[in-house]
PDB file of N, CA and C in Angstrom:
ATOM      1  N   MET A   1      14.962  13.404  -3.932  1.00  0.00           N
ATOM      2  CA  MET A   1      15.256  12.092  -4.458  1.00  0.00           C
ATOM      3  C   MET A   1      16.769  11.940  -4.561  1.00  0.00           C
ATOM      4  N   LEU A   2      17.247  10.861  -4.056  1.00  0.00           N
ATOM      5  CA  LEU A   2      18.662  10.520  -4.175  1.00  0.00           C
ATOM      6  C   LEU A   2      18.851   9.734  -5.465  1.00  0.00           C
ATOM      7  N   VAL A   3      19.786  10.158  -6.293  1.00  0.00           N
ATOM      8  CA  VAL A   3      20.076   9.465  -7.548  1.00  0.00           C
ATOM      9  C   VAL A   3      21.477   8.882  -7.457  1.00  0.00           C
ATOM     10  N   LEU A   4      21.581   7.577  -7.672  1.00  0.00           N
ATOM     11  CA  LEU A   4      22.862   6.887  -7.590  1.00  0.00           C
ATOM     12  C   LEU A   4      23.162   6.175  -8.903  1.00  0.00           C
ATOM     13  N   SER A   5      24.420   6.045  -9.215  1.00  0.00           N
ATOM     14  CA  SER A   5      24.852   5.218 -10.343  1.00  0.00           C
ATOM     15  C   SER A   5      25.482   3.961  -9.758  1.00  0.00           C
ATOM     16  N   ARG A   6      25.078   2.814 -10.253  1.00  0.00           N
ATOM     17  CA  ARG A   6      25.617   1.539  -9.792  1.00  0.00           C
ATOM     18  C   ARG A   6      25.889   0.671 -11.004  1.00  0.00           C
ATOM     19  N   ARG A   7      26.850  -0.181 -10.886  1.00  0.00           N
ATOM     20  CA  ARG A   7      27.151  -1.171 -11.925  1.00  0.00           C
ATOM     21  C   ARG A   7      26.654  -2.531 -11.448  1.00  0.00           C
ATOM     22  N   ALA A   8      26.572  -3.463 -12.381  1.00  0.00           N
ATOM     23  CA  ALA A   8      26.162  -4.820 -12.019  1.00  0.00           C
ATOM     24  C   ALA A   8      27.063  -5.343 -10.913  1.00  0.00           C
ATOM     25  N   GLY A   9      26.438  -5.939  -9.903  1.00  0.00           N
ATOM     26  CA  GLY A   9      27.175  -6.480  -8.759  1.00  0.00           C
ATOM     27  C   GLY A   9      27.312  -5.500  -7.606  1.00  0.00           C
ATOM     28  N   GLU A  10      27.032  -4.223  -7.843  1.00  0.00           N
ATOM     29  CA  GLU A  10      27.137  -3.230  -6.773  1.00  0.00           C
ATOM     30  C   GLU A  10      25.820  -3.147  -6.014  1.00  0.00           C
ATOM     31  N   LYS A  11      25.904  -2.671  -4.777  1.00  0.00           N
ATOM     32  CA  LYS A  11      24.743  -2.670  -3.882  1.00  0.00           C
ATOM     33  C   LYS A  11      24.493  -1.294  -3.302  1.00  0.00           C
ATOM     34  N   VAL A  12      23.278  -1.129  -2.814  1.00  0.00           N
ATOM     35  CA  VAL A  12      22.848   0.050  -2.070  1.00  0.00           C
ATOM     36  C   VAL A  12      22.180  -0.470  -0.801  1.00  0.00           C
ATOM     37  N   VAL A  13      22.445   0.172   0.325  1.00  0.00           N
ATOM     38  CA  VAL A  13      21.832  -0.226   1.594  1.00  0.00           C
ATOM     39  C   VAL A  13      20.878   0.880   2.036  1.00  0.00           C
ATOM     40  N   ILE A  14      19.657   0.488   2.419  1.00  0.00           N
ATOM     41  CA  ILE A  14      18.661   1.431   2.941  1.00  0.00           C
ATOM     42  C   ILE A  14      18.432   1.058   4.392  1.00  0.00           C
ATOM     43  N   GLY A  15      18.637   2.025   5.283  1.00  0.00           N
ATOM     44  CA  GLY A  15      18.557   1.729   6.705  1.00  0.00           C
ATOM     45  C   GLY A  15      19.652   0.736   7.037  1.00  0.00           C
ATOM     46  N   ASN A  16      19.352  -0.176   7.927  1.00  0.00           N
ATOM     47  CA  ASN A  16      20.324  -1.205   8.296  1.00  0.00           C
ATOM     48  C   ASN A  16      19.948  -2.581   7.783  1.00  0.00           C
ATOM     49  N   GLU A  17      18.748  -2.697   7.185  1.00  0.00           N
ATOM     50  CA  GLU A  17      18.242  -4.034   6.888  1.00  0.00           C
ATOM     51  C   GLU A  17      17.890  -4.288   5.429  1.00  0.00           C
ATOM     52  N   ILE A  18      17.862  -3.271   4.601  1.00  0.00           N
ATOM     53  CA  ILE A  18      17.443  -3.453   3.213  1.00  0.00           C
ATOM     54  C   ILE A  18      18.651  -3.263   2.302  1.00  0.00           C
ATOM     55  N   VAL A  19      18.924  -4.284   1.487  1.00  0.00           N
ATOM     56  CA  VAL A  19      20.039  -4.231   0.551  1.00  0.00           C
ATOM     57  C   VAL A  19      19.488  -4.437  -0.851  1.00  0.00           C
ATOM     58  N   ILE A  20      19.838  -3.533  -1.756  1.00  0.00           N
ATOM     59  CA  ILE A  20      19.437  -3.637  -3.150  1.00  0.00           C
ATOM     60  C   ILE A  20      20.702  -3.838  -3.971  1.00  0.00           C
ATOM     61  N   GLU A  21      20.715  -4.918  -4.744  1.00  0.00           N
ATOM     62  CA  GLU A  21      21.885  -5.228  -5.564  1.00  0.00           C
ATOM     63  C   GLU A  21      21.494  -5.206  -7.035  1.00  0.00           C
ATOM     64  N   VAL A  22      22.318  -4.575  -7.840  1.00  0.00           N
ATOM     65  CA  VAL A  22      22.123  -4.591  -9.283  1.00  0.00           C
ATOM     66  C   VAL A  22      22.655  -5.937  -9.770  1.00  0.00           C
ATOM     67  N   LEU A  23      21.756  -6.788 -10.241  1.00  0.00           N
ATOM     68  CA  LEU A  23      22.150  -8.122 -10.681  1.00  0.00           C
ATOM     69  C   LEU A  23      22.622  -8.134 -12.132  1.00  0.00           C
ATOM     70  N   ALA A  24      21.909  -7.382 -12.971  1.00  0.00           N
ATOM     71  CA  ALA A  24      22.268  -7.353 -14.391  1.00  0.00           C
ATOM     72  C   ALA A  24      21.688  -6.114 -15.043  1.00  0.00           C
ATOM     73  N   ILE A  25      22.345  -5.671 -16.091  1.00  0.00           N
ATOM     74  CA  ILE A  25      21.854  -4.559 -16.904  1.00  0.00           C
ATOM     75  C   ILE A  25      21.848  -5.052 -18.341  1.00  0.00           C
ATOM     76  N   ASN A  26      20.687  -5.006 -18.969  1.00  0.00           N
ATOM     77  CA  ASN A  26      20.548  -5.481 -20.341  1.00  0.00           C
ATOM     78  C   ASN A  26      19.785  -4.417 -21.125  1.00  0.00           C
ATOM     79  N   GLY A  27      20.498  -3.534 -21.799  1.00  0.00           N
ATOM     80  CA  GLY A  27      19.850  -2.439 -22.523  1.00  0.00           C
ATOM     81  C   GLY A  27      19.167  -1.505 -21.545  1.00  0.00           C
ATOM     82  N   ASN A  28      17.848  -1.337 -21.686  1.00  0.00           N
ATOM     83  CA  ASN A  28      17.073  -0.462 -20.805  1.00  0.00           C
ATOM     84  C   ASN A  28      16.514  -1.183 -19.585  1.00  0.00           C
ATOM     85  N   VAL A  29      16.845  -2.450 -19.427  1.00  0.00           N
ATOM     86  CA  VAL A  29      16.289  -3.246 -18.328  1.00  0.00           C
ATOM     87  C   VAL A  29      17.365  -3.492 -17.277  1.00  0.00           C
ATOM     88  N   VAL A  30      17.014  -3.219 -16.036  1.00  0.00           N
ATOM     89  CA  VAL A  30      17.913  -3.451 -14.909  1.00  0.00           C
ATOM     90  C   VAL A  30      17.264  -4.498 -14.012  1.00  0.00           C
ATOM     91  N   ARG A  31      17.993  -5.556 -13.694  1.00  0.00           N
ATOM     92  CA  ARG A  31      17.493  -6.578 -12.759  1.00  0.00           C
ATOM     93  C   ARG A  31      18.057  -6.252 -11.385  1.00  0.00           C
ATOM     94  N   LEU A  32      17.166  -6.145 -10.417  1.00  0.00           N
ATOM     95  CA  LEU A  32      17.555  -5.832  -9.046  1.00  0.00           C
ATOM     96  C   LEU A  32      17.256  -7.014  -8.144  1.00  0.00           C
ATOM     97  N   GLY A  33      18.110  -7.221  -7.174  1.00  0.00           N
ATOM     98  CA  GLY A  33      17.849  -8.188  -6.114  1.00  0.00           C
ATOM     99  C   GLY A  33      17.661  -7.401  -4.828  1.00  0.00           C
ATOM    100  N   ILE A  34      16.599  -7.696  -4.098  1.00  0.00           N
ATOM    101  CA  ILE A  34      16.288  -6.951  -2.873  1.00  0.00           C
ATOM    102  C   ILE A  34      16.268  -7.916  -1.707  1.00  0.00           C
ATOM    103  N   THR A  35      17.061  -7.623  -0.690  1.00  0.00           N
ATOM    104  CA  THR A  35      17.059  -8.379   0.548  1.00  0.00           C
ATOM    105  C   THR A  35      16.471  -7.478   1.625  1.00  0.00           C
ATOM    106  N   ALA A  36      15.370  -7.916   2.222  1.00  0.00           N
ATOM    107  CA  ALA A  36      14.688  -7.111   3.238  1.00  0.00           C
ATOM    108  C   ALA A  36      14.027  -8.049   4.235  1.00  0.00           C
ATOM    109  N   PRO A  37      13.757  -7.558   5.446  1.00  0.00           N
ATOM    110  CA  PRO A  37      13.038  -8.375   6.425  1.00  0.00           C
ATOM    111  C   PRO A  37      11.661  -8.772   5.881  1.00  0.00           C
ATOM    112  N   ARG A  38      11.174  -9.933   6.293  1.00  0.00           N
ATOM    113  CA  ARG A  38       9.850 -10.382   5.843  1.00  0.00           C
ATOM    114  C   ARG A  38       8.753  -9.385   6.201  1.00  0.00           C
ATOM    115  N   SER A  39       8.945  -8.614   7.233  1.00  0.00           N
ATOM    116  CA  SER A  39       7.933  -7.645   7.661  1.00  0.00           C
ATOM    117  C   SER A  39       7.890  -6.418   6.751  1.00  0.00           C
ATOM    118  N   THR A  40       8.834  -6.286   5.842  1.00  0.00           N
ATOM    119  CA  THR A  40       8.884  -5.149   4.926  1.00  0.00           C
ATOM    120  C   THR A  40       8.250  -5.533   3.602  1.00  0.00           C
ATOM    121  N   SER A  41       7.229  -4.791   3.197  1.00  0.00           N
ATOM    122  CA  SER A  41       6.592  -5.047   1.905  1.00  0.00           C
ATOM    123  C   SER A  41       7.478  -4.509   0.790  1.00  0.00           C
ATOM    124  N   VAL A  42       7.633  -5.301  -0.246  1.00  0.00           N
ATOM    125  CA  VAL A  42       8.390  -4.878  -1.423  1.00  0.00           C
ATOM    126  C   VAL A  42       7.516  -5.158  -2.638  1.00  0.00           C
ATOM    127  N   HIS A  43       7.151  -4.105  -3.380  1.00  0.00           N
ATOM    128  CA  HIS A  43       6.279  -4.234  -4.543  1.00  0.00           C
ATOM    129  C   HIS A  43       6.826  -3.392  -5.685  1.00  0.00           C
ATOM    130  N   ARG A  44       6.518  -3.797  -6.908  1.00  0.00           N
ATOM    131  CA  ARG A  44       6.726  -2.892  -8.040  1.00  0.00           C
ATOM    132  C   ARG A  44       5.788  -1.713  -7.819  1.00  0.00           C
ATOM    133  N   PHE A  45       6.150  -0.533  -8.316  1.00  0.00           N
ATOM    134  CA  PHE A  45       5.349   0.653  -8.044  1.00  0.00           C
ATOM    135  C   PHE A  45       3.917   0.509  -8.535  1.00  0.00           C
ATOM    136  N   GLU A  46       3.727  -0.072  -9.729  1.00  0.00           N
ATOM    137  CA  GLU A  46       2.368  -0.189 -10.265  1.00  0.00           C
ATOM    138  C   GLU A  46       1.503  -1.102  -9.398  1.00  0.00           C
ATOM    139  N   VAL A  47       2.089  -2.122  -8.797  1.00  0.00           N
ATOM    140  CA  VAL A  47       1.341  -2.990  -7.873  1.00  0.00           C
ATOM    141  C   VAL A  47       1.017  -2.212  -6.596  1.00  0.00           C
ATOM    142  N   PHE A  48       2.001  -1.477  -6.082  1.00  0.00           N
ATOM    143  CA  PHE A  48       1.793  -0.656  -4.889  1.00  0.00           C
ATOM    144  C   PHE A  48       0.662   0.354  -5.116  1.00  0.00           C
ATOM    145  N   ALA A  49       0.665   1.011  -6.274  1.00  0.00           N
ATOM    146  CA  ALA A  49      -0.376   2.003  -6.583  1.00  0.00           C
ATOM    147  C   ALA A  49      -1.752   1.346  -6.617  1.00  0.00           C
ATOM    148  N   GLU A  50      -1.858   0.139  -7.180  1.00  0.00           N
ATOM    149  CA  GLU A  50      -3.141  -0.568  -7.222  1.00  0.00           C
ATOM    150  C   GLU A  50      -3.599  -0.959  -5.816  1.00  0.00           C
ATOM    151  N   ILE A  51      -2.688  -1.391  -4.971  1.00  0.00           N
ATOM    152  CA  ILE A  51      -3.023  -1.718  -3.578  1.00  0.00           C
ATOM    153  C   ILE A  51      -3.546  -0.469  -2.867  1.00  0.00           C
ATOM    154  N   GLU A  52      -2.884   0.662  -3.088  1.00  0.00           N
ATOM    155  CA  GLU A  52      -3.331   1.916  -2.471  1.00  0.00           C
ATOM    156  C   GLU A  52      -4.732   2.296  -2.949  1.00  0.00           C
ATOM    157  N   ARG A  53      -4.991   2.164  -4.261  1.00  0.00           N
ATOM    158  CA  ARG A  53      -6.333   2.477  -4.789  1.00  0.00           C
ATOM    159  C   ARG A  53      -7.383   1.560  -4.155  1.00  0.00           C
ATOM    160  N   ALA A  54      -7.076   0.278  -4.055  1.00  0.00           N
ATOM    161  CA  ALA A  54      -8.022  -0.669  -3.460  1.00  0.00           C
ATOM    162  C   ALA A  54      -8.264  -0.350  -1.986  1.00  0.00           C
ATOM    163  N   ASN A  55      -7.218   0.024  -1.268  1.00  0.00           N
ATOM    164  CA  ASN A  55      -7.375   0.377   0.147  1.00  0.00           C
ATOM    165  C   ASN A  55      -8.233   1.618   0.316  1.00  0.00           C
ATOM    166  N   ARG A  56      -8.023   2.630  -0.547  1.00  0.00           N
ATOM    167  CA  ARG A  56      -8.849   3.848  -0.470  1.00  0.00           C
ATOM    168  C   ARG A  56     -10.306   3.525  -0.768  1.00  0.00           C
ATOM    169  N   ALA A  57     -10.537   2.697  -1.797  1.00  0.00           N
ATOM    170  CA  ALA A  57     -11.913   2.324  -2.152  1.00  0.00           C
ATOM    171  C   ALA A  57     -12.579   1.566  -1.011  1.00  0.00           C
ATOM    172  N   ALA A  58     -11.841   0.673  -0.376  1.00  0.00           N
ATOM    173  CA  ALA A  58     -12.395  -0.088   0.752  1.00  0.00           C
ATOM    174  C   ALA A  58     -12.707   0.833   1.922  1.00  0.00           C
ATOM    175  N   ALA A  59     -11.835   1.795   2.187  1.00  0.00           N
ATOM    176  CA  ALA A  59     -12.070   2.737   3.291  1.00  0.00           C
ATOM    177  C   ALA A  59     -13.295   3.594   3.005  1.00  0.00           C
ATOM    178  N   GLU A  60     -13.446   4.031   1.749  1.00  0.00           N
ATOM    179  CA  GLU A  60     -14.625   4.826   1.384  1.00  0.00           C
ATOM    180  C   GLU A  60     -15.894   3.988   1.529  1.00  0.00           C
ATOM    181  N   ALA A  61     -15.844   2.740   1.068  1.00  0.00           N
ATOM    182  CA  ALA A  61     -17.011   1.859   1.176  1.00  0.00           C
ATOM    183  C   ALA A  61     -17.358   1.616   2.637  1.00  0.00           C
ATOM    184  N   GLN A  62     -16.343   1.419   3.470  1.00  0.00           N
ATOM    185  CA  GLN A  62     -16.591   1.201   4.900  1.00  0.00           C
ATOM    186  C   GLN A  62     -17.244   2.434   5.512  1.00  0.00           C
ATOM    187  N   GLY A  63     -16.768   3.607   5.110  1.00  0.00           N
ATOM    188  CA  GLY A  63     -17.363   4.845   5.613  1.00  0.00           C
ATOM    189  C   GLY A  63     -18.816   4.973   5.193  1.00  0.00           C
ATOM    190  N   LEU A  64     -19.131   4.609   3.936  1.00  0.00           N
ATOM    191  CA  LEU A  64     -20.513   4.665   3.452  1.00  0.00           C
ATOM    192  C   LEU A  64     -21.380   3.678   4.200  1.00  0.00           C
ATOM    193  N   HIS A  65     -20.873   2.468   4.444  1.00  0.00           N
ATOM    194  CA  HIS A  65     -21.642   1.472   5.192  1.00  0.00           C
ATOM    195  C   HIS A  65     -21.903   1.955   6.608  1.00  0.00           C
ATOM    196  N   ARG A  66     -20.896   2.535   7.230  1.00  0.00           N
ATOM    197  CA  ARG A  66     -21.046   3.043   8.590  1.00  0.00           C
ATOM    198  C   ARG A  66     -22.094   4.155   8.612  1.00  0.00           C
ATOM    199  N   GLU A  67     -22.053   5.039   7.602  1.00  0.00           N
ATOM    200  CA  GLU A  67     -23.024   6.133   7.527  1.00  0.00           C
ATOM    201  C   GLU A  67     -24.437   5.585   7.348  1.00  0.00           C
ATOM    202  N   MET A  68     -24.597   4.576   6.503  1.00  0.00           N
ATOM    203  CA  MET A  68     -25.925   3.985   6.296  1.00  0.00           C
ATOM    204  C   MET A  68     -26.430   3.332   7.572  1.00  0.00           C
ATOM    205  N   ILE A  69     -25.563   2.627   8.280  1.00  0.00           N
ATOM    206  CA  ILE A  69     -25.953   1.979   9.541  1.00  0.00           C
ATOM    207  C   ILE A  69     -26.380   3.024  10.562  1.00  0.00           C
ATOM    208  N   GLU A  70     -25.634   4.129  10.634  1.00  0.00           N
ATOM    209  CA  GLU A  70     -25.990   5.188  11.575  1.00  0.00           C
ATOM    210  C   GLU A  70     -27.338   5.812  11.226  1.00  0.00           C
ATOM    211  N   ARG A  71     -27.618   5.981   9.926  1.00  0.00           N
ATOM    212  CA  ARG A  71     -28.918   6.531   9.509  1.00  0.00           C
ATOM    213  C   ARG A  71     -30.054   5.585   9.884  1.00  0.00           C
ATOM    214  N   VAL A  72     -29.865   4.294   9.626  1.00  0.00           N
ATOM    215  CA  VAL A  72     -30.900   3.316   9.959  1.00  0.00           C
ATOM    216  C   VAL A  72     -31.114   3.275  11.467  1.00  0.00           C
ATOM    217  N   ALA A  73     -30.021   3.293  12.227  1.00  0.00           N
ATOM    218  CA  ALA A  73     -30.139   3.272  13.691  1.00  0.00           C
ATOM    219  C   ALA A  73     -30.883   4.509  14.190  1.00  0.00           C
ATOM    220  N   ALA A  74     -30.585   5.672  13.619  1.00  0.00           N
ATOM    221  CA  ALA A  74     -31.273   6.906  14.022  1.00  0.00           C
ATOM    222  C   ALA A  74     -32.758   6.808  13.702  1.00  0.00           C
ATOM    223  N   GLN A  75     -33.075   6.265  12.523  1.00  0.00           N
ATOM    224  CA  GLN A  75     -34.479   6.117  12.148  1.00  0.00           C
ATOM    225  C   GLN A  75     -35.188   5.141  13.069  1.00  0.00           C
ATOM    226  N   LEU A  76     -34.537   4.045  13.423  1.00  0.00           N
ATOM    227  CA  LEU A  76     -35.138   3.076  14.351  1.00  0.00           C
ATOM    228  C   LEU A  76     -35.384   3.702  15.717  1.00  0.00           C
ATOM    229  N   ARG A  77     -34.426   4.497  16.192  1.00  0.00           N
ATOM    230  CA  ARG A  77     -34.622   5.176  17.485  1.00  0.00           C
ATOM    231  C   ARG A  77     -35.794   6.133  17.414  1.00  0.00           C
ATOM    232  N   LYS A  78     -35.895   6.856  16.282  1.00  0.00           N
ATOM    233  CA  LYS A  78     -36.991   7.802  16.114  1.00  0.00           C
ATOM    234  C   LYS A  78     -38.334   7.061  16.081  1.00  0.00           C
ATOM    235  N   ASP A  79     -38.398   5.948  15.328  1.00  0.00           N
ATOM    236  CA  ASP A  79     -39.616   5.149  15.254  1.00  0.00           C
ATOM    237  C   ASP A  79     -39.982   4.566  16.622  1.00  0.00           C
ATOM    238  N   ASP A  80     -38.959   4.112  17.370  1.00  0.00           N
ATOM    239  CA  ASP A  80     -39.170   3.552  18.685  1.00  0.00           C
ATOM    240  C   ASP A  80     -39.721   4.609  19.638  1.00  0.00           C
ATOM    241  N   ALA A  81     -39.227   5.840  19.522  1.00  0.00           N
ATOM    242  CA  ALA A  81     -39.708   6.925  20.380  1.00  0.00           C
ATOM    243  C   ALA A  81     -41.160   7.253  20.062  1.00  0.00           C
ATOM    244  N   LYS A  82     -41.552   7.179  18.791  1.00  0.00           N
ATOM    245  CA  LYS A  82     -42.937   7.455  18.404  1.00  0.00           C
ATOM    246  C   LYS A  82     -43.887   6.397  18.963  1.00  0.00           C
ATOM    247  N   ASP A  83     -43.419   5.145  18.999  1.00  0.00           N
ATOM    248  CA  ASP A  83     -44.248   4.029  19.463  1.00  0.00           C
ATOM    249  C   ASP A  83     -44.491   4.073  20.963  1.00  0.00           C
ATOM    250  N   ARG A  84     -43.715   4.809  21.698  1.00  0.00           N
ATOM    251  CA  ARG A  84     -43.858   4.843  23.165  1.00  0.00           C
ATOM    252  C   ARG A  84     -44.948   5.752  23.585  1.00  0.00           C
TER     253      ARG A  84
END
């Protein structure tokens, strides 16, 4: 982890396209301004963590649905073979 000290009005550049500026410092609260390409997602960490949890849950659900479909398809094939 890179740790930097910045004062209000100072900036940090990430890559060539992301600029983070310290807008204000008020006690324990720091206001940041972030300039980034529209294609770059910028979220507070707690929002990012919730998005990740939702994505994992959706992927697990999709896997379960796929597994259920495969089981039903296998059973249908087995039933179809018996009927012949």
